[in-house]
Amino acid sequence: PQSAAVRRDVVVFAETQRNDMHSRTWANAGHNTEVPAQARTKPMPVVGYDGDEIVEFYDRRPLQVGWRLNSLGFPLLGWYLRLLLDRAIGIEQ
């Protein structure tokens, strides 16, 4: 059996490589500090914000946009109406 330090599919983060107290505490508590090789990725490049492309993207998906607005809007409206009703009948926490 290979040790975790020499396995190719994981990266072992040694305590000496960690600078913050939380990480050292986490490692000392016996938690697994190995990260699978598949989780190691390069950060995405910052290419900017293209508002016209975003508008075009969502203009082609009106049903998805409507579904998302309803799935967020109706629960929020229900919460707000219950809040108003609680105030009207004098229930406050």
C-alpha atoms as a PDB file:
ATOM      1  CA  PRO A   1       0.000   0.000   0.000  1.00  0.00           C
ATOM      2  CA  GLN A   2       1.217   3.427  -0.975  1.00  0.00           C
ATOM      3  CA  SER A   3       1.250   6.199   1.558  1.00  0.00           C
ATOM      4  CA  ALA A   4      -0.879   9.266   0.880  1.00  0.00           C
ATOM      5  CA  ALA A   5       2.266  11.364   0.390  1.00  0.00           C
ATOM      6  CA  VAL A   6       3.386   9.434  -2.698  1.00  0.00           C
ATOM      7  CA  ARG A   7       0.056   8.658  -4.343  1.00  0.00           C
ATOM      8  CA  ARG A   8      -0.375  10.413  -7.673  1.00  0.00           C
ATOM      9  CA  ASP A   9      -4.139  10.904  -7.441  1.00  0.00           C
ATOM     10  CA  VAL A  10      -4.135  13.036  -4.297  1.00  0.00           C
ATOM     11  CA  VAL A  11      -2.408  16.103  -3.023  1.00  0.00           C
ATOM     12  CA  VAL A  12      -1.582  16.112   0.648  1.00  0.00           C
ATOM     13  CA  PHE A  13      -1.610  19.479   2.318  1.00  0.00           C
ATOM     14  CA  ALA A  14       0.932  19.400   5.094  1.00  0.00           C
ATOM     15  CA  GLU A  15       0.258  21.427   8.192  1.00  0.00           C
ATOM     16  CA  THR A  16       3.391  23.455   7.533  1.00  0.00           C
ATOM     17  CA  GLN A  17       1.892  24.674   4.257  1.00  0.00           C
ATOM     18  CA  ARG A  18      -1.185  26.068   5.980  1.00  0.00           C
ATOM     19  CA  ASN A  19      -1.033  29.528   7.418  1.00  0.00           C
ATOM     20  CA  ASP A  20      -4.374  30.038   9.084  1.00  0.00           C
ATOM     21  CA  MET A  21      -5.328  28.739  12.512  1.00  0.00           C
ATOM     22  CA  HIS A  22      -8.559  27.128  11.293  1.00  0.00           C
ATOM     23  CA  SER A  23      -6.708  24.841   8.906  1.00  0.00           C
ATOM     24  CA  ARG A  24      -4.254  23.707  11.573  1.00  0.00           C
ATOM     25  CA  THR A  25      -7.098  23.083  14.012  1.00  0.00           C
ATOM     26  CA  TRP A  26      -9.016  21.151  11.360  1.00  0.00           C
ATOM     27  CA  ALA A  27      -5.985  18.988  10.535  1.00  0.00           C
ATOM     28  CA  ASN A  28      -5.166  18.390  14.204  1.00  0.00           C
ATOM     29  CA  ALA A  29      -8.733  17.231  14.831  1.00  0.00           C
ATOM     30  CA  GLY A  30      -8.055  14.223  12.590  1.00  0.00           C
ATOM     31  CA  HIS A  31     -10.044  15.369   9.566  1.00  0.00           C
ATOM     32  CA  ASN A  32      -9.090  14.214   6.112  1.00  0.00           C
ATOM     33  CA  THR A  33      -6.937  16.871   4.434  1.00  0.00           C
ATOM     34  CA  GLU A  34      -6.450  15.067   1.121  1.00  0.00           C
ATOM     35  CA  VAL A  35      -7.850  16.635  -2.039  1.00  0.00           C
ATOM     36  CA  PRO A  36      -8.549  14.351  -5.034  1.00  0.00           C
ATOM     37  CA  ALA A  37      -6.577  15.138  -8.168  1.00  0.00           C
ATOM     38  CA  GLN A  38      -9.840  15.763 -10.048  1.00  0.00           C
ATOM     39  CA  ALA A  39     -10.601  18.677  -7.699  1.00  0.00           C
ATOM     40  CA  ARG A  40      -7.412  20.505  -8.656  1.00  0.00           C
ATOM     41  CA  THR A  41      -8.308  22.908 -11.429  1.00  0.00           C
ATOM     42  CA  LYS A  42      -6.921  26.107 -12.792  1.00  0.00           C
ATOM     43  CA  PRO A  43      -8.942  29.226 -12.016  1.00  0.00           C
ATOM     44  CA  MET A  44     -11.079  30.557 -14.827  1.00  0.00           C
ATOM     45  CA  PRO A  45      -9.642  33.619 -16.530  1.00  0.00           C
ATOM     46  CA  VAL A  46     -11.368  36.912 -15.900  1.00  0.00           C
ATOM     47  CA  VAL A  47     -12.576  38.023 -19.305  1.00  0.00           C
ATOM     48  CA  GLY A  48     -14.973  40.804 -18.371  1.00  0.00           C
ATOM     49  CA  TYR A  49     -18.685  41.435 -18.362  1.00  0.00           C
ATOM     50  CA  ASP A  50     -20.621  41.496 -21.634  1.00  0.00           C
ATOM     51  CA  GLY A  51     -24.111  42.780 -20.892  1.00  0.00           C
ATOM     52  CA  ASP A  52     -25.331  42.381 -24.478  1.00  0.00           C
ATOM     53  CA  GLU A  53     -24.352  38.702 -24.529  1.00  0.00           C
ATOM     54  CA  ILE A  54     -26.114  38.108 -21.214  1.00  0.00           C
ATOM     55  CA  VAL A  55     -29.301  39.777 -22.472  1.00  0.00           C
ATOM     56  CA  GLU A  56     -29.171  37.705 -25.660  1.00  0.00           C
ATOM     57  CA  PHE A  57     -28.623  34.503 -23.635  1.00  0.00           C
ATOM     58  CA  TYR A  58     -31.702  35.051 -21.460  1.00  0.00           C
ATOM     59  CA  ASP A  59     -33.844  36.455 -24.279  1.00  0.00           C
ATOM     60  CA  ARG A  60     -33.577  33.020 -25.928  1.00  0.00           C
ATOM     61  CA  ARG A  61     -34.867  31.334 -22.736  1.00  0.00           C
ATOM     62  CA  PRO A  62     -38.135  33.049 -21.731  1.00  0.00           C
ATOM     63  CA  LEU A  63     -39.642  29.932 -20.111  1.00  0.00           C
ATOM     64  CA  GLN A  64     -36.597  29.370 -17.913  1.00  0.00           C
ATOM     65  CA  VAL A  65     -36.586  33.025 -16.891  1.00  0.00           C
ATOM     66  CA  GLY A  66     -40.314  32.950 -16.129  1.00  0.00           C
ATOM     67  CA  TRP A  67     -39.983  29.735 -14.128  1.00  0.00           C
ATOM     68  CA  ARG A  68     -37.116  31.203 -12.100  1.00  0.00           C
ATOM     69  CA  LEU A  69     -39.028  34.423 -11.408  1.00  0.00           C
ATOM     70  CA  ASN A  70     -42.075  32.442 -10.268  1.00  0.00           C
ATOM     71  CA  SER A  71     -40.067  30.026  -8.151  1.00  0.00           C
ATOM     72  CA  LEU A  72     -38.483  32.958  -6.328  1.00  0.00           C
ATOM     73  CA  GLY A  73     -41.306  35.477  -6.482  1.00  0.00           C
ATOM     74  CA  PHE A  74     -44.256  33.470  -5.168  1.00  0.00           C
ATOM     75  CA  PRO A  75     -42.560  32.234  -1.974  1.00  0.00           C
ATOM     76  CA  LEU A  76     -41.269  35.731  -1.316  1.00  0.00           C
ATOM     77  CA  LEU A  77     -44.733  37.204  -1.876  1.00  0.00           C
ATOM     78  CA  GLY A  78     -46.241  34.598   0.483  1.00  0.00           C
ATOM     79  CA  TRP A  79     -43.661  35.415   3.158  1.00  0.00           C
ATOM     80  CA  TYR A  80     -44.357  39.132   2.823  1.00  0.00           C
ATOM     81  CA  LEU A  81     -48.143  38.673   2.970  1.00  0.00           C
ATOM     82  CA  ARG A  82     -47.793  36.510   6.107  1.00  0.00           C
ATOM     83  CA  LEU A  83     -45.591  39.203   7.626  1.00  0.00           C
ATOM     84  CA  LEU A  84     -48.252  41.844   6.923  1.00  0.00           C
ATOM     85  CA  LEU A  85     -50.957  39.573   8.362  1.00  0.00           C
ATOM     86  CA  ASP A  86     -48.902  38.979  11.515  1.00  0.00           C
ATOM     87  CA  ARG A  87     -48.492  42.723  11.974  1.00  0.00           C
ATOM     88  CA  ALA A  88     -52.208  43.310  11.345  1.00  0.00           C
ATOM     89  CA  ILE A  89     -53.309  40.847  14.047  1.00  0.00           C
ATOM     90  CA  GLY A  90     -50.554  41.858  16.450  1.00  0.00           C
ATOM     91  CA  ILE A  91     -48.238  38.857  16.380  1.00  0.00           C
ATOM     92  CA  GLU A  92     -44.614  39.919  16.812  1.00  0.00           C
ATOM     93  CA  GLN A  93     -41.557  37.999  17.953  1.00  0.00           C
END
